[in-house]
Amino acid sequence: MTIKPLIILPDPLLRVASRPIETIDAAVKRLADDMLETMYDAPGIGLAAVQIGEPVRMLVIDVSKEEEENAPRVFLNPEVLSAGEETNVYEEGCLSIPDYYAEVERPAAVTVRYLGLDGAMREETVDGLLATCLQHEIDHLNGVLFIDHISKLKRDMVVKKFTKAARKAGV
């Protein structure tokens, strides 16, 4: 397993729609392992493959509490099938937008369909933090960032800040 460098805003790759995973082979399983290692090292609770420069429809999540044993989950080609009408507001952050947090309102429960690493198609209804995290990471697979869910003024300020920092760093 390898810790991969994270893609940081304003990298244009973050706005690319990721392509589906066609076959589950050793390379896909290795990528899942690398993603989990990178997510835990960051530390974070979710990571989309595009965030480490791989624009494929894969994400990893672990919303276990600190005192609990790790409970890593891998989702291939995930899609939201339906969303409940009730909403939750969580303060979200993103490994690709370090040290910036904002309250985002999303559906409190969603039903998702995805492939597991074993190749089995699954459908699951989730709520709470897992629902929020899944929606956040699936957004990444579609080239959408959590800052797209906040006001244009705040979003523009964040993008400007990260663009300026990238220019200063010579990126």
C-alpha atoms as a PDB file:
ATOM      1  CA  MET A   1       0.000   0.000   0.000  1.00  0.00           C
ATOM      2  CA  THR A   2       1.165   3.487  -0.873  1.00  0.00           C
ATOM      3  CA  ILE A   3       0.158   6.882   0.418  1.00  0.00           C
ATOM      4  CA  LYS A   4      -0.625   8.976  -2.658  1.00  0.00           C
ATOM      5  CA  PRO A   5      -0.368  12.764  -2.951  1.00  0.00           C
ATOM      6  CA  LEU A   6      -3.712  14.544  -2.811  1.00  0.00           C
ATOM      7  CA  ILE A   7      -4.970  16.724  -5.658  1.00  0.00           C
ATOM      8  CA  ILE A   8      -5.690  20.201  -4.240  1.00  0.00           C
ATOM      9  CA  LEU A   9      -8.040  22.945  -5.443  1.00  0.00           C
ATOM     10  CA  PRO A  10      -7.789  24.613  -8.034  1.00  0.00           C
ATOM     11  CA  ASP A  11      -6.472  21.545  -9.918  1.00  0.00           C
ATOM     12  CA  PRO A  12      -8.825  21.145 -12.935  1.00  0.00           C
ATOM     13  CA  LEU A  13      -8.850  17.346 -12.481  1.00  0.00           C
ATOM     14  CA  LEU A  14     -11.234  17.898  -9.554  1.00  0.00           C
ATOM     15  CA  ARG A  15     -13.843  19.108 -12.078  1.00  0.00           C
ATOM     16  CA  VAL A  16     -13.582  16.032 -14.333  1.00  0.00           C
ATOM     17  CA  ALA A  17     -16.365  13.436 -14.356  1.00  0.00           C
ATOM     18  CA  SER A  18     -14.763  10.087 -13.528  1.00  0.00           C
ATOM     19  CA  ARG A  19     -15.115   7.087 -15.845  1.00  0.00           C
ATOM     20  CA  PRO A  20     -16.729   3.816 -14.741  1.00  0.00           C
ATOM     21  CA  ILE A  21     -14.646   0.873 -13.593  1.00  0.00           C
ATOM     22  CA  GLU A  22     -15.019  -1.853 -16.224  1.00  0.00           C
ATOM     23  CA  THR A  23     -13.251  -4.776 -14.543  1.00  0.00           C
ATOM     24  CA  ILE A  24     -12.258  -5.526 -10.984  1.00  0.00           C
ATOM     25  CA  ASP A  25      -8.664  -6.680 -11.232  1.00  0.00           C
ATOM     26  CA  ALA A  26      -5.515  -6.533  -9.113  1.00  0.00           C
ATOM     27  CA  ALA A  27      -4.886  -2.911 -10.144  1.00  0.00           C
ATOM     28  CA  VAL A  28      -8.349  -1.848  -8.920  1.00  0.00           C
ATOM     29  CA  LYS A  29      -7.832  -3.672  -5.610  1.00  0.00           C
ATOM     30  CA  ARG A  30      -4.385  -2.079  -5.231  1.00  0.00           C
ATOM     31  CA  LEU A  31      -5.915   1.348  -5.908  1.00  0.00           C
ATOM     32  CA  ALA A  32      -8.541   0.701  -3.201  1.00  0.00           C
ATOM     33  CA  ASP A  33      -5.771  -0.216  -0.726  1.00  0.00           C
ATOM     34  CA  ASP A  34      -3.774   2.910  -1.660  1.00  0.00           C
ATOM     35  CA  MET A  35      -6.867   5.073  -1.304  1.00  0.00           C
ATOM     36  CA  LEU A  36      -7.620   3.712   2.172  1.00  0.00           C
ATOM     37  CA  GLU A  37      -4.007   4.197   3.247  1.00  0.00           C
ATOM     38  CA  THR A  38      -4.057   7.772   1.914  1.00  0.00           C
ATOM     39  CA  MET A  39      -7.428   8.548   3.544  1.00  0.00           C
ATOM     40  CA  TYR A  40      -6.321   7.252   6.960  1.00  0.00           C
ATOM     41  CA  ASP A  41      -3.012   9.115   6.715  1.00  0.00           C
ATOM     42  CA  ALA A  42      -4.677  12.470   5.814  1.00  0.00           C
ATOM     43  CA  PRO A  43      -6.740  11.853   8.084  1.00  0.00           C
ATOM     44  CA  GLY A  44     -10.192  11.792   6.511  1.00  0.00           C
ATOM     45  CA  ILE A  45     -13.414   9.778   6.461  1.00  0.00           C
ATOM     46  CA  GLY A  46     -13.853   9.573   2.685  1.00  0.00           C
ATOM     47  CA  LEU A  47     -11.805   9.778  -0.496  1.00  0.00           C
ATOM     48  CA  ALA A  48     -12.672   9.615  -4.185  1.00  0.00           C
ATOM     49  CA  ALA A  49     -10.105   8.174  -6.614  1.00  0.00           C
ATOM     50  CA  VAL A  50      -9.975  11.444  -8.562  1.00  0.00           C
ATOM     51  CA  GLN A  51      -8.556  13.118  -5.434  1.00  0.00           C
ATOM     52  CA  ILE A  52      -5.351  11.127  -5.930  1.00  0.00           C
ATOM     53  CA  GLY A  53      -5.262  11.690  -9.673  1.00  0.00           C
ATOM     54  CA  GLU A  54      -7.239   8.620 -10.795  1.00  0.00           C
ATOM     55  CA  PRO A  55     -10.486   9.756 -12.470  1.00  0.00           C
ATOM     56  CA  VAL A  56     -12.322   6.445 -12.034  1.00  0.00           C
ATOM     57  CA  ARG A  57     -15.622   5.872 -10.239  1.00  0.00           C
ATOM     58  CA  MET A  58     -14.279   4.508  -6.957  1.00  0.00           C
ATOM     59  CA  LEU A  59     -14.511   5.867  -3.451  1.00  0.00           C
ATOM     60  CA  VAL A  60     -13.573   4.707   0.008  1.00  0.00           C
ATOM     61  CA  ILE A  61     -15.240   5.630   3.285  1.00  0.00           C
ATOM     62  CA  ASP A  62     -14.751   4.890   6.964  1.00  0.00           C
ATOM     63  CA  VAL A  63     -17.110   6.728   9.312  1.00  0.00           C
ATOM     64  CA  SER A  64     -16.224   4.628  12.371  1.00  0.00           C
ATOM     65  CA  LYS A  65     -15.614   6.617  15.533  1.00  0.00           C
ATOM     66  CA  GLU A  66     -12.072   7.087  16.853  1.00  0.00           C
ATOM     67  CA  GLU A  67     -12.557   4.609  19.686  1.00  0.00           C
ATOM     68  CA  GLU A  68     -13.993   1.977  17.332  1.00  0.00           C
ATOM     69  CA  GLU A  69     -12.144  -0.439  15.102  1.00  0.00           C
ATOM     70  CA  ASN A  70     -11.680   0.790  11.510  1.00  0.00           C
ATOM     71  CA  ALA A  71     -14.590  -0.159   9.235  1.00  0.00           C
ATOM     72  CA  PRO A  72     -13.347   0.614   5.705  1.00  0.00           C
ATOM     73  CA  ARG A  73     -15.841   0.486   2.817  1.00  0.00           C
ATOM     74  CA  VAL A  74     -15.110   0.500  -0.921  1.00  0.00           C
ATOM     75  CA  PHE A  75     -17.717   1.593  -3.473  1.00  0.00           C
ATOM     76  CA  LEU A  76     -17.219   1.029  -7.216  1.00  0.00           C
ATOM     77  CA  ASN A  77     -19.428   2.868  -9.736  1.00  0.00           C
ATOM     78  CA  PRO A  78     -21.719   4.192  -6.975  1.00  0.00           C
ATOM     79  CA  GLU A  79     -24.879   6.037  -7.865  1.00  0.00           C
ATOM     80  CA  VAL A  80     -27.636   7.627  -5.819  1.00  0.00           C
ATOM     81  CA  LEU A  81     -30.927   5.983  -6.793  1.00  0.00           C
ATOM     82  CA  SER A  82     -33.146   8.080  -4.537  1.00  0.00           C
ATOM     83  CA  ALA A  83     -32.977  10.604  -1.741  1.00  0.00           C
ATOM     84  CA  GLY A  84     -35.324  11.211   1.160  1.00  0.00           C
ATOM     85  CA  GLU A  85     -37.153  14.527   1.542  1.00  0.00           C
ATOM     86  CA  GLU A  86     -35.747  15.217   5.013  1.00  0.00           C
ATOM     87  CA  THR A  87     -32.414  17.041   5.098  1.00  0.00           C
ATOM     88  CA  ASN A  88     -29.437  17.285   7.453  1.00  0.00           C
ATOM     89  CA  VAL A  89     -26.845  20.002   7.763  1.00  0.00           C
ATOM     90  CA  TYR A  90     -23.261  18.912   8.444  1.00  0.00           C
ATOM     91  CA  GLU A  91     -20.112  20.963   8.598  1.00  0.00           C
ATOM     92  CA  GLU A  92     -18.170  19.455   5.697  1.00  0.00           C
ATOM     93  CA  GLY A  93     -14.525  19.606   4.843  1.00  0.00           C
ATOM     94  CA  CYS A  94     -12.528  18.076   2.026  1.00  0.00           C
ATOM     95  CA  LEU A  95      -9.025  16.660   1.753  1.00  0.00           C
ATOM     96  CA  SER A  96      -8.701  18.505  -1.573  1.00  0.00           C
ATOM     97  CA  ILE A  97      -9.665  21.825   0.061  1.00  0.00           C
ATOM     98  CA  PRO A  98      -7.557  21.647   3.245  1.00  0.00           C
ATOM     99  CA  ASP A  99      -8.532  23.584   6.344  1.00  0.00           C
ATOM    100  CA  TYR A 100     -11.778  24.935   4.911  1.00  0.00           C
ATOM    101  CA  TYR A 101     -15.138  23.906   6.374  1.00  0.00           C
ATOM    102  CA  ALA A 102     -18.701  24.973   5.627  1.00  0.00           C
ATOM    103  CA  GLU A 103     -22.199  23.880   6.548  1.00  0.00           C
ATOM    104  CA  VAL A 104     -23.840  21.957   3.712  1.00  0.00           C
ATOM    105  CA  GLU A 105     -27.455  20.812   3.558  1.00  0.00           C
ATOM    106  CA  ARG A 106     -28.043  17.430   1.917  1.00  0.00           C
ATOM    107  CA  PRO A 107     -30.714  14.719   1.983  1.00  0.00           C
ATOM    108  CA  ALA A 108     -30.612  12.931   5.349  1.00  0.00           C
ATOM    109  CA  ALA A 109     -31.022   9.490   3.716  1.00  0.00           C
ATOM    110  CA  VAL A 110     -30.135   8.120   0.294  1.00  0.00           C
ATOM    111  CA  THR A 111     -30.411   4.809  -1.487  1.00  0.00           C
ATOM    112  CA  VAL A 112     -27.253   3.931  -3.402  1.00  0.00           C
ATOM    113  CA  ARG A 113     -26.309   1.178  -5.815  1.00  0.00           C
ATOM    114  CA  TYR A 114     -22.682   0.150  -6.221  1.00  0.00           C
ATOM    115  CA  LEU A 115     -20.323  -2.705  -6.955  1.00  0.00           C
ATOM    116  CA  GLY A 116     -18.282  -4.216  -4.155  1.00  0.00           C
ATOM    117  CA  LEU A 117     -14.667  -5.280  -4.668  1.00  0.00           C
ATOM    118  CA  ASP A 118     -16.022  -8.837  -4.909  1.00  0.00           C
ATOM    119  CA  GLY A 119     -17.963  -7.838  -8.049  1.00  0.00           C
ATOM    120  CA  ALA A 120     -21.373  -8.124  -6.382  1.00  0.00           C
ATOM    121  CA  MET A 121     -23.935  -5.408  -7.128  1.00  0.00           C
ATOM    122  CA  ARG A 122     -25.381  -3.964  -3.934  1.00  0.00           C
ATOM    123  CA  GLU A 123     -28.186  -1.571  -3.082  1.00  0.00           C
ATOM    124  CA  GLU A 124     -28.303   0.063   0.313  1.00  0.00           C
ATOM    125  CA  THR A 125     -30.259   2.812   2.068  1.00  0.00           C
ATOM    126  CA  VAL A 126     -28.095   4.834   4.452  1.00  0.00           C
ATOM    127  CA  ASP A 127     -28.572   7.890   6.631  1.00  0.00           C
ATOM    128  CA  GLY A 128     -26.683  10.242   8.915  1.00  0.00           C
ATOM    129  CA  LEU A 129     -22.962  10.813   8.457  1.00  0.00           C
ATOM    130  CA  LEU A 130     -22.600   7.885   6.027  1.00  0.00           C
ATOM    131  CA  ALA A 131     -25.288   9.368   3.746  1.00  0.00           C
ATOM    132  CA  THR A 132     -23.593  12.769   3.817  1.00  0.00           C
ATOM    133  CA  CYS A 133     -20.160  11.286   3.175  1.00  0.00           C
ATOM    134  CA  LEU A 134     -21.415   9.131   0.290  1.00  0.00           C
ATOM    135  CA  GLN A 135     -23.105  12.130  -1.346  1.00  0.00           C
ATOM    136  CA  HIS A 136     -19.935  14.232  -0.901  1.00  0.00           C
ATOM    137  CA  GLU A 137     -17.704  11.550  -2.471  1.00  0.00           C
ATOM    138  CA  ILE A 138     -20.149  10.708  -5.302  1.00  0.00           C
ATOM    139  CA  ASP A 139     -20.181  14.443  -6.063  1.00  0.00           C
ATOM    140  CA  HIS A 140     -16.391  14.195  -6.541  1.00  0.00           C
ATOM    141  CA  LEU A 141     -16.926  11.437  -9.119  1.00  0.00           C
ATOM    142  CA  ASN A 142     -19.131  13.885 -11.039  1.00  0.00           C
ATOM    143  CA  GLY A 143     -16.681  16.804 -10.842  1.00  0.00           C
ATOM    144  CA  VAL A 144     -18.677  18.549  -8.103  1.00  0.00           C
ATOM    145  CA  LEU A 145     -17.114  19.906  -4.894  1.00  0.00           C
ATOM    146  CA  PHE A 146     -18.823  20.574  -1.576  1.00  0.00           C
ATOM    147  CA  ILE A 147     -18.182  24.286  -2.076  1.00  0.00           C
ATOM    148  CA  ASP A 148     -20.620  24.102  -5.005  1.00  0.00           C
ATOM    149  CA  HIS A 149     -23.346  23.693  -2.347  1.00  0.00           C
ATOM    150  CA  ILE A 150     -22.551  26.980  -0.560  1.00  0.00           C
ATOM    151  CA  SER A 151     -23.182  30.586  -1.618  1.00  0.00           C
ATOM    152  CA  LYS A 152     -21.444  31.869  -4.742  1.00  0.00           C
ATOM    153  CA  LEU A 153     -19.746  34.599  -2.705  1.00  0.00           C
ATOM    154  CA  LYS A 154     -18.183  32.131  -0.239  1.00  0.00           C
ATOM    155  CA  ARG A 155     -17.271  29.719  -3.049  1.00  0.00           C
ATOM    156  CA  ASP A 156     -15.577  32.456  -5.076  1.00  0.00           C
ATOM    157  CA  MET A 157     -13.554  33.512  -2.009  1.00  0.00           C
ATOM    158  CA  VAL A 158     -12.363  29.936  -1.394  1.00  0.00           C
ATOM    159  CA  VAL A 159     -11.433  29.364  -5.051  1.00  0.00           C
ATOM    160  CA  LYS A 160      -9.577  32.684  -5.160  1.00  0.00           C
ATOM    161  CA  LYS A 161      -7.646  31.833  -1.977  1.00  0.00           C
ATOM    162  CA  PHE A 162      -6.572  28.404  -3.269  1.00  0.00           C
ATOM    163  CA  THR A 163      -5.758  29.747  -6.760  1.00  0.00           C
ATOM    164  CA  LYS A 164      -3.535  32.412  -5.220  1.00  0.00           C
ATOM    165  CA  ALA A 165      -1.806  29.829  -2.982  1.00  0.00           C
ATOM    166  CA  ALA A 166      -1.211  27.516  -5.971  1.00  0.00           C
ATOM    167  CA  ARG A 167       0.258  30.379  -8.013  1.00  0.00           C
ATOM    168  CA  LYS A 168       2.505  31.334  -5.092  1.00  0.00           C
ATOM    169  CA  ALA A 169       3.674  27.708  -4.818  1.00  0.00           C
ATOM    170  CA  GLY A 170       4.384  27.663  -8.545  1.00  0.00           C
ATOM    171  CA  VAL A 171       1.790  25.000  -9.319  1.00  0.00           C
END
